[in-house]
């Protein structure tokens, strides 16, 4: 799982996520995006050829929890695509590092 706090704004029915560099000091709308991953297949490490653990999968779900409300909302359709695109554009390294950690925990049988 990956979790990050981001600024957002509502644009009619649509939600727009704002990169950290473009958030004004007076901006007050923040949310937590929580990403769960789906790992379809895991390829074990092959030390004899220098290959580490690898996996196939993707983002399974993204939930959004607005700071002032304790309940998270699962994003669907356009909101899901918007959140996924934003995360890949602005949090890609941390996002995939968390996915790698999750796949590794599945492979080694650790609690995820």
PDB file of N, CA and C in Angstrom:
ATOM      1  N   UNK A   1       0.848  -1.170   0.000  1.00  0.00           N
ATOM      2  CA  UNK A   1       0.000   0.000   0.000  1.00  0.00           C
ATOM      3  C   UNK A   1       0.897   1.238   0.000  1.00  0.00           C
ATOM      4  N   UNK A   2       0.430   2.268  -0.659  1.00  0.00           N
ATOM      5  CA  UNK A   2       1.121   3.551  -0.706  1.00  0.00           C
ATOM      6  C   UNK A   2       0.123   4.619  -0.286  1.00  0.00           C
ATOM      7  N   UNK A   3       0.594   5.584   0.503  1.00  0.00           N
ATOM      8  CA  UNK A   3      -0.294   6.629   1.001  1.00  0.00           C
ATOM      9  C   UNK A   3       0.442   7.966   0.926  1.00  0.00           C
ATOM     10  N   UNK A   4      -0.260   8.992   0.432  1.00  0.00           N
ATOM     11  CA  UNK A   4       0.337  10.316   0.323  1.00  0.00           C
ATOM     12  C   UNK A   4      -0.750  11.380   0.509  1.00  0.00           C
ATOM     13  N   UNK A   5      -0.377  12.471   1.177  1.00  0.00           N
ATOM     14  CA  UNK A   5      -1.291  13.598   1.325  1.00  0.00           C
ATOM     15  C   UNK A   5      -1.048  14.570   0.178  1.00  0.00           C
ATOM     16  N   UNK A   6      -2.123  14.973  -0.486  1.00  0.00           N
ATOM     17  CA  UNK A   6      -2.016  15.879  -1.625  1.00  0.00           C
ATOM     18  C   UNK A   6      -3.102  16.952  -1.547  1.00  0.00           C
ATOM     19  N   UNK A   7      -2.837  18.050  -2.227  1.00  0.00           N
ATOM     20  CA  UNK A   7      -3.830  19.113  -2.346  1.00  0.00           C
ATOM     21  C   UNK A   7      -4.760  18.767  -3.503  1.00  0.00           C
ATOM     22  N   UNK A   8      -5.998  19.213  -3.374  1.00  0.00           N
ATOM     23  CA  UNK A   8      -6.957  18.970  -4.452  1.00  0.00           C
ATOM     24  C   UNK A   8      -7.915  20.147  -4.533  1.00  0.00           C
ATOM     25  N   UNK A   9      -8.666  20.171  -5.642  1.00  0.00           N
ATOM     26  CA  UNK A   9      -9.769  21.130  -5.779  1.00  0.00           C
ATOM     27  C   UNK A   9     -10.862  20.439  -6.577  1.00  0.00           C
ATOM     28  N   UNK A  10     -12.071  20.819  -6.277  1.00  0.00           N
ATOM     29  CA  UNK A  10     -13.201  20.300  -7.036  1.00  0.00           C
ATOM     30  C   UNK A  10     -13.477  21.245  -8.182  1.00  0.00           C
ATOM     31  N   UNK A  11     -13.674  20.661  -9.338  1.00  0.00           N
ATOM     32  CA  UNK A  11     -13.966  21.428 -10.538  1.00  0.00           C
ATOM     33  C   UNK A  11     -15.309  20.915 -11.051  1.00  0.00           C
ATOM     34  N   UNK A  12     -16.377  21.433 -10.489  1.00  0.00           N
ATOM     35  CA  UNK A  12     -17.707  20.904 -10.774  1.00  0.00           C
ATOM     36  C   UNK A  12     -17.830  19.551 -10.108  1.00  0.00           C
ATOM     37  N   UNK A  13     -18.093  18.514 -10.887  1.00  0.00           N
ATOM     38  CA  UNK A  13     -18.174  17.142 -10.369  1.00  0.00           C
ATOM     39  C   UNK A  13     -16.802  16.470 -10.322  1.00  0.00           C
ATOM     40  N   UNK A  14     -15.847  17.004 -11.079  1.00  0.00           N
ATOM     41  CA  UNK A  14     -14.529  16.377 -11.189  1.00  0.00           C
ATOM     42  C   UNK A  14     -13.593  16.862 -10.089  1.00  0.00           C
ATOM     43  N   UNK A  15     -12.658  15.992  -9.731  1.00  0.00           N
ATOM     44  CA  UNK A  15     -11.632  16.350  -8.763  1.00  0.00           C
ATOM     45  C   UNK A  15     -10.325  16.564  -9.509  1.00  0.00           C
ATOM     46  N   UNK A  16      -9.573  17.557  -9.085  1.00  0.00           N
ATOM     47  CA  UNK A  16      -8.283  17.866  -9.687  1.00  0.00           C
ATOM     48  C   UNK A  16      -7.242  17.852  -8.576  1.00  0.00           C
ATOM     49  N   UNK A  17      -6.152  17.132  -8.776  1.00  0.00           N
ATOM     50  CA  UNK A  17      -5.085  17.063  -7.789  1.00  0.00           C
ATOM     51  C   UNK A  17      -4.002  18.047  -8.176  1.00  0.00           C
ATOM     52  N   UNK A  18      -3.413  18.701  -7.189  1.00  0.00           N
ATOM     53  CA  UNK A  18      -2.477  19.788  -7.434  1.00  0.00           C
ATOM     54  C   UNK A  18      -1.072  19.368  -7.018  1.00  0.00           C
ATOM     55  N   UNK A  19      -0.095  19.500  -7.905  1.00  0.00           N
ATOM     56  CA  UNK A  19       1.291  19.173  -7.539  1.00  0.00           C
ATOM     57  C   UNK A  19       1.763  20.068  -6.381  1.00  0.00           C
ATOM     58  N   UNK A  20       2.612  19.517  -5.548  1.00  0.00           N
ATOM     59  CA  UNK A  20       3.082  20.232  -4.362  1.00  0.00           C
ATOM     60  C   UNK A  20       3.702  21.581  -4.707  1.00  0.00           C
ATOM     61  N   UNK A  21       4.429  21.655  -5.804  1.00  0.00           N
ATOM     62  CA  UNK A  21       5.088  22.901  -6.205  1.00  0.00           C
ATOM     63  C   UNK A  21       4.095  24.001  -6.568  1.00  0.00           C
ATOM     64  N   UNK A  22       2.853  23.643  -6.877  1.00  0.00           N
ATOM     65  CA  UNK A  22       1.862  24.628  -7.292  1.00  0.00           C
ATOM     66  C   UNK A  22       0.812  24.932  -6.226  1.00  0.00           C
ATOM     67  N   UNK A  23       1.017  24.423  -5.016  1.00  0.00           N
ATOM     68  CA  UNK A  23       0.051  24.653  -3.940  1.00  0.00           C
ATOM     69  C   UNK A  23       0.378  25.984  -3.275  1.00  0.00           C
ATOM     70  N   UNK A  24      -0.608  26.870  -3.250  1.00  0.00           N
ATOM     71  CA  UNK A  24      -0.423  28.155  -2.598  1.00  0.00           C
ATOM     72  C   UNK A  24      -0.468  28.024  -1.083  1.00  0.00           C
ATOM     73  N   UNK A  25       0.130  28.979  -0.398  1.00  0.00           N
ATOM     74  CA  UNK A  25       0.165  28.944   1.067  1.00  0.00           C
ATOM     75  C   UNK A  25      -1.227  29.000   1.685  1.00  0.00           C
ATOM     76  N   UNK A  26      -2.178  29.587   0.992  1.00  0.00           N
ATOM     77  CA  UNK A  26      -3.525  29.721   1.531  1.00  0.00           C
ATOM     78  C   UNK A  26      -4.447  28.560   1.152  1.00  0.00           C
ATOM     79  N   UNK A  27      -3.913  27.572   0.422  1.00  0.00           N
ATOM     80  CA  UNK A  27      -4.741  26.438  -0.001  1.00  0.00           C
ATOM     81  C   UNK A  27      -5.118  25.599   1.219  1.00  0.00           C
ATOM     82  N   UNK A  28      -6.393  25.217   1.309  1.00  0.00           N
ATOM     83  CA  UNK A  28      -6.871  24.517   2.497  1.00  0.00           C
ATOM     84  C   UNK A  28      -7.439  23.128   2.226  1.00  0.00           C
ATOM     85  N   UNK A  29      -7.572  22.737   0.990  1.00  0.00           N
ATOM     86  CA  UNK A  29      -8.189  21.443   0.677  1.00  0.00           C
ATOM     87  C   UNK A  29      -7.126  20.379   0.417  1.00  0.00           C
ATOM     88  N   UNK A  30      -6.987  19.473   1.389  1.00  0.00           N
ATOM     89  CA  UNK A  30      -6.024  18.381   1.284  1.00  0.00           C
ATOM     90  C   UNK A  30      -6.742  17.058   1.502  1.00  0.00           C
ATOM     91  N   UNK A  31      -6.179  16.016   0.924  1.00  0.00           N
ATOM     92  CA  UNK A  31      -6.730  14.678   1.094  1.00  0.00           C
ATOM     93  C   UNK A  31      -5.581  13.679   1.150  1.00  0.00           C
ATOM     94  N   UNK A  32      -5.905  12.491   1.585  1.00  0.00           N
ATOM     95  CA  UNK A  32      -4.938  11.394   1.580  1.00  0.00           C
ATOM     96  C   UNK A  32      -5.372  10.409   0.505  1.00  0.00           C
ATOM     97  N   UNK A  33      -4.469  10.120  -0.412  1.00  0.00           N
ATOM     98  CA  UNK A  33      -4.705   9.096  -1.425  1.00  0.00           C
ATOM     99  C   UNK A  33      -4.016   7.820  -0.945  1.00  0.00           C
ATOM    100  N   UNK A  34      -4.777   6.747  -0.891  1.00  0.00           N
ATOM    101  CA  UNK A  34      -4.246   5.443  -0.475  1.00  0.00           C
ATOM    102  C   UNK A  34      -4.372   4.489  -1.646  1.00  0.00           C
ATOM    103  N   UNK A  35      -3.239   3.914  -2.034  1.00  0.00           N
ATOM    104  CA  UNK A  35      -3.178   3.043  -3.207  1.00  0.00           C
ATOM    105  C   UNK A  35      -2.959   1.602  -2.755  1.00  0.00           C
ATOM    106  N   UNK A  36      -3.756   0.716  -3.306  1.00  0.00           N
ATOM    107  CA  UNK A  36      -3.558  -0.726  -3.110  1.00  0.00           C
ATOM    108  C   UNK A  36      -3.153  -1.304  -4.457  1.00  0.00           C
ATOM    109  N   UNK A  37      -2.285  -2.308  -4.397  1.00  0.00           N
ATOM    110  CA  UNK A  37      -1.733  -2.901  -5.604  1.00  0.00           C
ATOM    111  C   UNK A  37      -2.286  -4.303  -5.823  1.00  0.00           C
ATOM    112  N   UNK A  38      -2.314  -4.697  -7.081  1.00  0.00           N
ATOM    113  CA  UNK A  38      -2.654  -6.066  -7.462  1.00  0.00           C
ATOM    114  C   UNK A  38      -1.397  -6.677  -8.072  1.00  0.00           C
ATOM    115  N   UNK A  39      -0.948  -7.770  -7.471  1.00  0.00           N
ATOM    116  CA  UNK A  39       0.215  -8.479  -7.994  1.00  0.00           C
ATOM    117  C   UNK A  39      -0.300  -9.752  -8.646  1.00  0.00           C
ATOM    118  N   UNK A  40      -0.193  -9.836  -9.959  1.00  0.00           N
ATOM    119  CA  UNK A  40      -0.716 -10.980 -10.700  1.00  0.00           C
ATOM    120  C   UNK A  40       0.272 -12.139 -10.724  1.00  0.00           C
ATOM    121  N   UNK A  41       1.557 -11.812 -10.802  1.00  0.00           N
ATOM    122  CA  UNK A  41       2.566 -12.860 -10.900  1.00  0.00           C
ATOM    123  C   UNK A  41       3.875 -12.351 -10.311  1.00  0.00           C
ATOM    124  N   UNK A  42       4.592 -13.239  -9.636  1.00  0.00           N
ATOM    125  CA  UNK A  42       5.881 -12.894  -9.047  1.00  0.00           C
ATOM    126  C   UNK A  42       6.944 -13.821  -9.623  1.00  0.00           C
ATOM    127  N   UNK A  43       8.056 -13.235 -10.033  1.00  0.00           N
ATOM    128  CA  UNK A  43       9.193 -13.994 -10.533  1.00  0.00           C
ATOM    129  C   UNK A  43      10.290 -13.940  -9.472  1.00  0.00           C
ATOM    130  N   UNK A  44      10.696 -15.102  -8.953  1.00  0.00           N
ATOM    131  CA  UNK A  44      11.680 -15.109  -7.871  1.00  0.00           C
ATOM    132  C   UNK A  44      13.033 -14.567  -8.317  1.00  0.00           C
ATOM    133  N   UNK A  45      13.844 -14.147  -7.349  1.00  0.00           N
ATOM    134  CA  UNK A  45      15.180 -13.670  -7.705  1.00  0.00           C
ATOM    135  C   UNK A  45      16.027 -14.810  -8.286  1.00  0.00           C
ATOM    136  N   UNK A  46      16.929 -14.446  -9.165  1.00  0.00           N
ATOM    137  CA  UNK A  46      17.844 -15.415  -9.754  1.00  0.00           C
ATOM    138  C   UNK A  46      19.272 -14.909  -9.545  1.00  0.00           C
ATOM    139  N   UNK A  47      19.823 -15.175  -8.351  1.00  0.00           N
ATOM    140  CA  UNK A  47      21.152 -14.641  -8.019  1.00  0.00           C
ATOM    141  C   UNK A  47      22.257 -15.059  -8.981  1.00  0.00           C
ATOM    142  N   UNK A  48      22.126 -16.249  -9.575  1.00  0.00           N
ATOM    143  CA  UNK A  48      23.181 -16.717 -10.481  1.00  0.00           C
ATOM    144  C   UNK A  48      23.316 -15.846 -11.728  1.00  0.00           C
ATOM    145  N   UNK A  49      22.248 -15.149 -12.113  1.00  0.00           N
ATOM    146  CA  UNK A  49      22.333 -14.243 -13.264  1.00  0.00           C
ATOM    147  C   UNK A  49      22.208 -12.782 -12.850  1.00  0.00           C
ATOM    148  N   UNK A  50      22.112 -12.550 -11.547  1.00  0.00           N
ATOM    149  CA  UNK A  50      22.058 -11.180 -11.037  1.00  0.00           C
ATOM    150  C   UNK A  50      20.690 -10.529 -11.104  1.00  0.00           C
ATOM    151  N   UNK A  51      19.643 -11.316 -11.317  1.00  0.00           N
ATOM    152  CA  UNK A  51      18.285 -10.756 -11.409  1.00  0.00           C
ATOM    153  C   UNK A  51      17.625 -10.761 -10.031  1.00  0.00           C
ATOM    154  N   UNK A  52      17.036  -9.660  -9.690  1.00  0.00           N
ATOM    155  CA  UNK A  52      16.300  -9.575  -8.443  1.00  0.00           C
ATOM    156  C   UNK A  52      14.866 -10.014  -8.631  1.00  0.00           C
ATOM    157  N   UNK A  53      14.123  -9.985  -7.565  1.00  0.00           N
ATOM    158  CA  UNK A  53      12.706 -10.323  -7.610  1.00  0.00           C
ATOM    159  C   UNK A  53      11.991  -9.375  -8.568  1.00  0.00           C
ATOM    160  N   UNK A  54      11.091  -9.907  -9.349  1.00  0.00           N
ATOM    161  CA  UNK A  54      10.323  -9.089 -10.290  1.00  0.00           C
ATOM    162  C   UNK A  54       8.861  -9.517 -10.199  1.00  0.00           C
ATOM    163  N   UNK A  55       7.981  -8.669 -10.642  1.00  0.00           N
ATOM    164  CA  UNK A  55       6.556  -8.973 -10.543  1.00  0.00           C
ATOM    165  C   UNK A  55       5.794  -8.283 -11.664  1.00  0.00           C
ATOM    166  N   UNK A  56       4.587  -8.781 -11.897  1.00  0.00           N
ATOM    167  CA  UNK A  56       3.675  -8.195 -12.878  1.00  0.00           C
ATOM    168  C   UNK A  56       2.405  -7.813 -12.129  1.00  0.00           C
ATOM    169  N   UNK A  57       1.930  -6.626 -12.360  1.00  0.00           N
ATOM    170  CA  UNK A  57       0.712  -6.167 -11.701  1.00  0.00           C
ATOM    171  C   UNK A  57       0.497  -4.695 -11.975  1.00  0.00           C
ATOM    172  N   UNK A  58      -0.376  -4.099 -11.170  1.00  0.00           N
ATOM    173  CA  UNK A  58      -0.707  -2.694 -11.387  1.00  0.00           C
ATOM    174  C   UNK A  58      -1.389  -2.153 -10.137  1.00  0.00           C
ATOM    175  N   UNK A  59      -1.829  -0.951 -10.238  1.00  0.00           N
ATOM    176  CA  UNK A  59      -2.624  -0.335  -9.180  1.00  0.00           C
ATOM    177  C   UNK A  59      -3.996  -0.983  -9.200  1.00  0.00           C
ATOM    178  N   UNK A  60      -4.425  -1.462  -8.049  1.00  0.00           N
ATOM    179  CA  UNK A  60      -5.728  -2.126  -7.945  1.00  0.00           C
ATOM    180  C   UNK A  60      -6.826  -1.126  -7.607  1.00  0.00           C
ATOM    181  N   UNK A  61      -6.582  -0.319  -6.580  1.00  0.00           N
ATOM    182  CA  UNK A  61      -7.600   0.656  -6.171  1.00  0.00           C
ATOM    183  C   UNK A  61      -6.933   1.873  -5.545  1.00  0.00           C
ATOM    184  N   UNK A  62      -7.652   2.978  -5.588  1.00  0.00           N
ATOM    185  CA  UNK A  62      -7.209   4.215  -4.950  1.00  0.00           C
ATOM    186  C   UNK A  62      -8.387   4.749  -4.149  1.00  0.00           C
ATOM    187  N   UNK A  63      -8.136   5.043  -2.878  1.00  0.00           N
ATOM    188  CA  UNK A  63      -9.160   5.680  -2.065  1.00  0.00           C
ATOM    189  C   UNK A  63      -8.700   7.092  -1.710  1.00  0.00           C
ATOM    190  N   UNK A  64      -9.669   7.944  -1.483  1.00  0.00           N
ATOM    191  CA  UNK A  64      -9.412   9.345  -1.156  1.00  0.00           C
ATOM    192  C   UNK A  64     -10.114   9.658   0.152  1.00  0.00           C
ATOM    193  N   UNK A  65      -9.323  10.138   1.122  1.00  0.00           N
ATOM    194  CA  UNK A  65      -9.909  10.537   2.398  1.00  0.00           C
ATOM    195  C   UNK A  65      -9.625  12.018   2.589  1.00  0.00           C
ATOM    196  N   UNK A  66     -10.687  12.794   2.633  1.00  0.00           N
ATOM    197  CA  UNK A  66     -10.571  14.227   2.843  1.00  0.00           C
ATOM    198  C   UNK A  66     -10.243  14.439   4.315  1.00  0.00           C
ATOM    199  N   UNK A  67      -9.319  15.344   4.580  1.00  0.00           N
ATOM    200  CA  UNK A  67      -8.771  15.549   5.915  1.00  0.00           C
ATOM    201  C   UNK A  67      -9.832  15.663   7.003  1.00  0.00           C
ATOM    202  N   UNK A  68     -10.899  16.388   6.756  1.00  0.00           N
ATOM    203  CA  UNK A  68     -11.883  16.615   7.817  1.00  0.00           C
ATOM    204  C   UNK A  68     -12.923  15.497   7.975  1.00  0.00           C
ATOM    205  N   UNK A  69     -12.900  14.503   7.071  1.00  0.00           N
ATOM    206  CA  UNK A  69     -13.834  13.384   7.171  1.00  0.00           C
ATOM    207  C   UNK A  69     -13.051  12.083   7.331  1.00  0.00           C
ATOM    208  N   UNK A  70     -13.405  11.277   8.334  1.00  0.00           N
ATOM    209  CA  UNK A  70     -12.621  10.060   8.598  1.00  0.00           C
ATOM    210  C   UNK A  70     -12.825   8.937   7.587  1.00  0.00           C
ATOM    211  N   UNK A  71     -13.905   8.927   6.855  1.00  0.00           N
ATOM    212  CA  UNK A  71     -14.211   7.830   5.940  1.00  0.00           C
ATOM    213  C   UNK A  71     -13.598   8.081   4.565  1.00  0.00           C
ATOM    214  N   UNK A  72     -12.950   7.049   4.033  1.00  0.00           N
ATOM    215  CA  UNK A  72     -12.337   7.151   2.711  1.00  0.00           C
ATOM    216  C   UNK A  72     -13.344   6.754   1.638  1.00  0.00           C
ATOM    217  N   UNK A  73     -13.195   7.351   0.467  1.00  0.00           N
ATOM    218  CA  UNK A  73     -14.067   7.058  -0.673  1.00  0.00           C
ATOM    219  C   UNK A  73     -13.227   6.402  -1.766  1.00  0.00           C
ATOM    220  N   UNK A  74     -13.684   5.252  -2.252  1.00  0.00           N
ATOM    221  CA  UNK A  74     -12.977   4.579  -3.335  1.00  0.00           C
ATOM    222  C   UNK A  74     -13.233   5.332  -4.639  1.00  0.00           C
ATOM    223  N   UNK A  75     -12.158   5.673  -5.322  1.00  0.00           N
ATOM    224  CA  UNK A  75     -12.285   6.413  -6.570  1.00  0.00           C
ATOM    225  C   UNK A  75     -12.578   5.447  -7.709  1.00  0.00           C
ATOM    226  N   UNK A  76     -13.469   5.860  -8.579  1.00  0.00           N
ATOM    227  CA  UNK A  76     -13.875   5.028  -9.713  1.00  0.00           C
ATOM    228  C   UNK A  76     -13.880   5.877 -10.986  1.00  0.00           C
ATOM    229  N   UNK A  77     -13.867   5.195 -12.093  1.00  0.00           N
ATOM    230  CA  UNK A  77     -14.016   5.811 -13.405  1.00  0.00           C
ATOM    231  C   UNK A  77     -13.047   6.973 -13.612  1.00  0.00           C
ATOM    232  N   UNK A  78     -13.573   8.140 -13.951  1.00  0.00           N
ATOM    233  CA  UNK A  78     -12.736   9.288 -14.271  1.00  0.00           C
ATOM    234  C   UNK A  78     -11.887   9.740 -13.083  1.00  0.00           C
ATOM    235  N   UNK A  79     -12.443   9.706 -11.870  1.00  0.00           N
ATOM    236  CA  UNK A  79     -11.681  10.112 -10.684  1.00  0.00           C
ATOM    237  C   UNK A  79     -10.499   9.171 -10.445  1.00  0.00           C
ATOM    238  N   UNK A  80     -10.692   7.863 -10.679  1.00  0.00           N
ATOM    239  CA  UNK A  80      -9.607   6.900 -10.547  1.00  0.00           C
ATOM    240  C   UNK A  80      -8.504   7.190 -11.550  1.00  0.00           C
ATOM    241  N   UNK A  81      -8.877   7.417 -12.797  1.00  0.00           N
ATOM    242  CA  UNK A  81      -7.896   7.702 -13.847  1.00  0.00           C
ATOM    243  C   UNK A  81      -7.149   8.991 -13.534  1.00  0.00           C
ATOM    244  N   UNK A  82      -7.856  10.005 -13.070  1.00  0.00           N
ATOM    245  CA  UNK A  82      -7.230  11.277 -12.713  1.00  0.00           C
ATOM    246  C   UNK A  82      -6.218  11.081 -11.593  1.00  0.00           C
ATOM    247  N   UNK A  83      -6.601  10.355 -10.552  1.00  0.00           N
ATOM    248  CA  UNK A  83      -5.703  10.118  -9.419  1.00  0.00           C
ATOM    249  C   UNK A  83      -4.494   9.288  -9.850  1.00  0.00           C
ATOM    250  N   UNK A  84      -4.715   8.253 -10.625  1.00  0.00           N
ATOM    251  CA  UNK A  84      -3.619   7.386 -11.079  1.00  0.00           C
ATOM    252  C   UNK A  84      -2.637   8.189 -11.940  1.00  0.00           C
ATOM    253  N   UNK A  85      -3.154   8.984 -12.850  1.00  0.00           N
ATOM    254  CA  UNK A  85      -2.309   9.806 -13.715  1.00  0.00           C
ATOM    255  C   UNK A  85      -1.484  10.788 -12.884  1.00  0.00           C
ATOM    256  N   UNK A  86      -2.128  11.421 -11.909  1.00  0.00           N
ATOM    257  CA  UNK A  86      -1.436  12.363 -11.031  1.00  0.00           C
ATOM    258  C   UNK A  86      -0.330  11.658 -10.246  1.00  0.00           C
ATOM    259  N   UNK A  87      -0.647  10.519  -9.653  1.00  0.00           N
ATOM    260  CA  UNK A  87       0.346   9.787  -8.855  1.00  0.00           C
ATOM    261  C   UNK A  87       1.530   9.338  -9.705  1.00  0.00           C
ATOM    262  N   UNK A  88       1.264   8.846 -10.907  1.00  0.00           N
ATOM    263  CA  UNK A  88       2.350   8.421 -11.786  1.00  0.00           C
ATOM    264  C   UNK A  88       3.213   9.598 -12.238  1.00  0.00           C
ATOM    265  N   UNK A  89       2.613  10.748 -12.404  1.00  0.00           N
ATOM    266  CA  UNK A  89       3.354  11.925 -12.847  1.00  0.00           C
ATOM    267  C   UNK A  89       4.172  12.575 -11.724  1.00  0.00           C
ATOM    268  N   UNK A  90       3.660  12.519 -10.488  1.00  0.00           N
ATOM    269  CA  UNK A  90       4.285  13.298  -9.407  1.00  0.00           C
ATOM    270  C   UNK A  90       4.824  12.472  -8.246  1.00  0.00           C
ATOM    271  N   UNK A  91       4.505  11.194  -8.188  1.00  0.00           N
ATOM    272  CA  UNK A  91       4.951  10.348  -7.079  1.00  0.00           C
ATOM    273  C   UNK A  91       5.413   8.981  -7.568  1.00  0.00           C
ATOM    274  N   UNK A  92       5.851   8.900  -8.809  1.00  0.00           N
ATOM    275  CA  UNK A  92       6.124   7.613  -9.451  1.00  0.00           C
ATOM    276  C   UNK A  92       7.146   6.764  -8.700  1.00  0.00           C
ATOM    277  N   UNK A  93       8.292   7.334  -8.331  1.00  0.00           N
ATOM    278  CA  UNK A  93       9.335   6.541  -7.679  1.00  0.00           C
ATOM    279  C   UNK A  93       8.851   5.955  -6.356  1.00  0.00           C
ATOM    280  N   UNK A  94       8.249   6.765  -5.522  1.00  0.00           N
ATOM    281  CA  UNK A  94       7.766   6.289  -4.225  1.00  0.00           C
ATOM    282  C   UNK A  94       6.612   5.291  -4.388  1.00  0.00           C
ATOM    283  N   UNK A  95       5.768   5.534  -5.367  1.00  0.00           N
ATOM    284  CA  UNK A  95       4.639   4.651  -5.635  1.00  0.00           C
ATOM    285  C   UNK A  95       5.118   3.252  -6.007  1.00  0.00           C
ATOM    286  N   UNK A  96       6.039   3.166  -6.970  1.00  0.00           N
ATOM    287  CA  UNK A  96       6.512   1.855  -7.417  1.00  0.00           C
ATOM    288  C   UNK A  96       7.438   1.203  -6.403  1.00  0.00           C
ATOM    289  N   UNK A  97       8.125   2.011  -5.585  1.00  0.00           N
ATOM    290  CA  UNK A  97       8.921   1.424  -4.505  1.00  0.00           C
ATOM    291  C   UNK A  97       8.000   0.727  -3.506  1.00  0.00           C
ATOM    292  N   UNK A  98       6.865   1.339  -3.199  1.00  0.00           N
ATOM    293  CA  UNK A  98       5.884   0.717  -2.309  1.00  0.00           C
ATOM    294  C   UNK A  98       5.305  -0.545  -2.935  1.00  0.00           C
ATOM    295  N   UNK A  99       5.071  -0.515  -4.237  1.00  0.00           N
ATOM    296  CA  UNK A  99       4.560  -1.703  -4.935  1.00  0.00           C
ATOM    297  C   UNK A  99       5.585  -2.827  -4.903  1.00  0.00           C
ATOM    298  N   UNK A 100       6.856  -2.491  -5.103  1.00  0.00           N
ATOM    299  CA  UNK A 100       7.919  -3.498  -5.021  1.00  0.00           C
ATOM    300  C   UNK A 100       7.981  -4.113  -3.624  1.00  0.00           C
ATOM    301  N   UNK A 101       7.873  -3.268  -2.602  1.00  0.00           N
ATOM    302  CA  UNK A 101       7.876  -3.761  -1.214  1.00  0.00           C
ATOM    303  C   UNK A 101       6.701  -4.703  -0.968  1.00  0.00           C
ATOM    304  N   UNK A 102       5.543  -4.357  -1.513  1.00  0.00           N
ATOM    305  CA  UNK A 102       4.358  -5.197  -1.354  1.00  0.00           C
ATOM    306  C   UNK A 102       4.557  -6.550  -2.030  1.00  0.00           C
ATOM    307  N   UNK A 103       5.048  -6.544  -3.270  1.00  0.00           N
ATOM    308  CA  UNK A 103       5.288  -7.797  -3.989  1.00  0.00           C
ATOM    309  C   UNK A 103       6.317  -8.651  -3.249  1.00  0.00           C
ATOM    310  N   UNK A 104       7.347  -8.016  -2.732  1.00  0.00           N
ATOM    311  CA  UNK A 104       8.368  -8.740  -1.972  1.00  0.00           C
ATOM    312  C   UNK A 104       7.778  -9.351  -0.710  1.00  0.00           C
ATOM    313  N   UNK A 105       6.909  -8.615  -0.035  1.00  0.00           N
ATOM    314  CA  UNK A 105       6.271  -9.158   1.174  1.00  0.00           C
ATOM    315  C   UNK A 105       5.380 -10.353   0.845  1.00  0.00           C
ATOM    316  N   UNK A 106       4.727 -10.309  -0.303  1.00  0.00           N
ATOM    317  CA  UNK A 106       3.925 -11.461  -0.728  1.00  0.00           C
ATOM    318  C   UNK A 106       4.812 -12.672  -1.021  1.00  0.00           C
ATOM    319  N   UNK A 107       5.923 -12.423  -1.703  1.00  0.00           N
ATOM    320  CA  UNK A 107       6.817 -13.516  -2.084  1.00  0.00           C
ATOM    321  C   UNK A 107       7.434 -14.200  -0.861  1.00  0.00           C
ATOM    322  N   UNK A 108       7.864 -13.372   0.097  1.00  0.00           N
ATOM    323  CA  UNK A 108       8.508 -13.939   1.281  1.00  0.00           C
ATOM    324  C   UNK A 108       7.525 -14.300   2.380  1.00  0.00           C
ATOM    325  N   UNK A 109       6.222 -14.101   2.129  1.00  0.00           N
ATOM    326  CA  UNK A 109       5.201 -14.517   3.074  1.00  0.00           C
ATOM    327  C   UNK A 109       5.075 -13.638   4.295  1.00  0.00           C
ATOM    328  N   UNK A 110       5.498 -12.395   4.186  1.00  0.00           N
ATOM    329  CA  UNK A 110       5.390 -11.456   5.295  1.00  0.00           C
ATOM    330  C   UNK A 110       4.014 -10.826   5.282  1.00  0.00           C
ATOM    331  N   UNK A 111       3.616 -10.299   6.418  1.00  0.00           N
ATOM    332  CA  UNK A 111       2.327  -9.594   6.485  1.00  0.00           C
ATOM    333  C   UNK A 111       2.431  -8.334   5.642  1.00  0.00           C
ATOM    334  N   UNK A 112       1.477  -8.157   4.755  1.00  0.00           N
ATOM    335  CA  UNK A 112       1.500  -6.997   3.862  1.00  0.00           C
ATOM    336  C   UNK A 112       0.756  -5.828   4.456  1.00  0.00           C
TER     337      UNK A 112
END
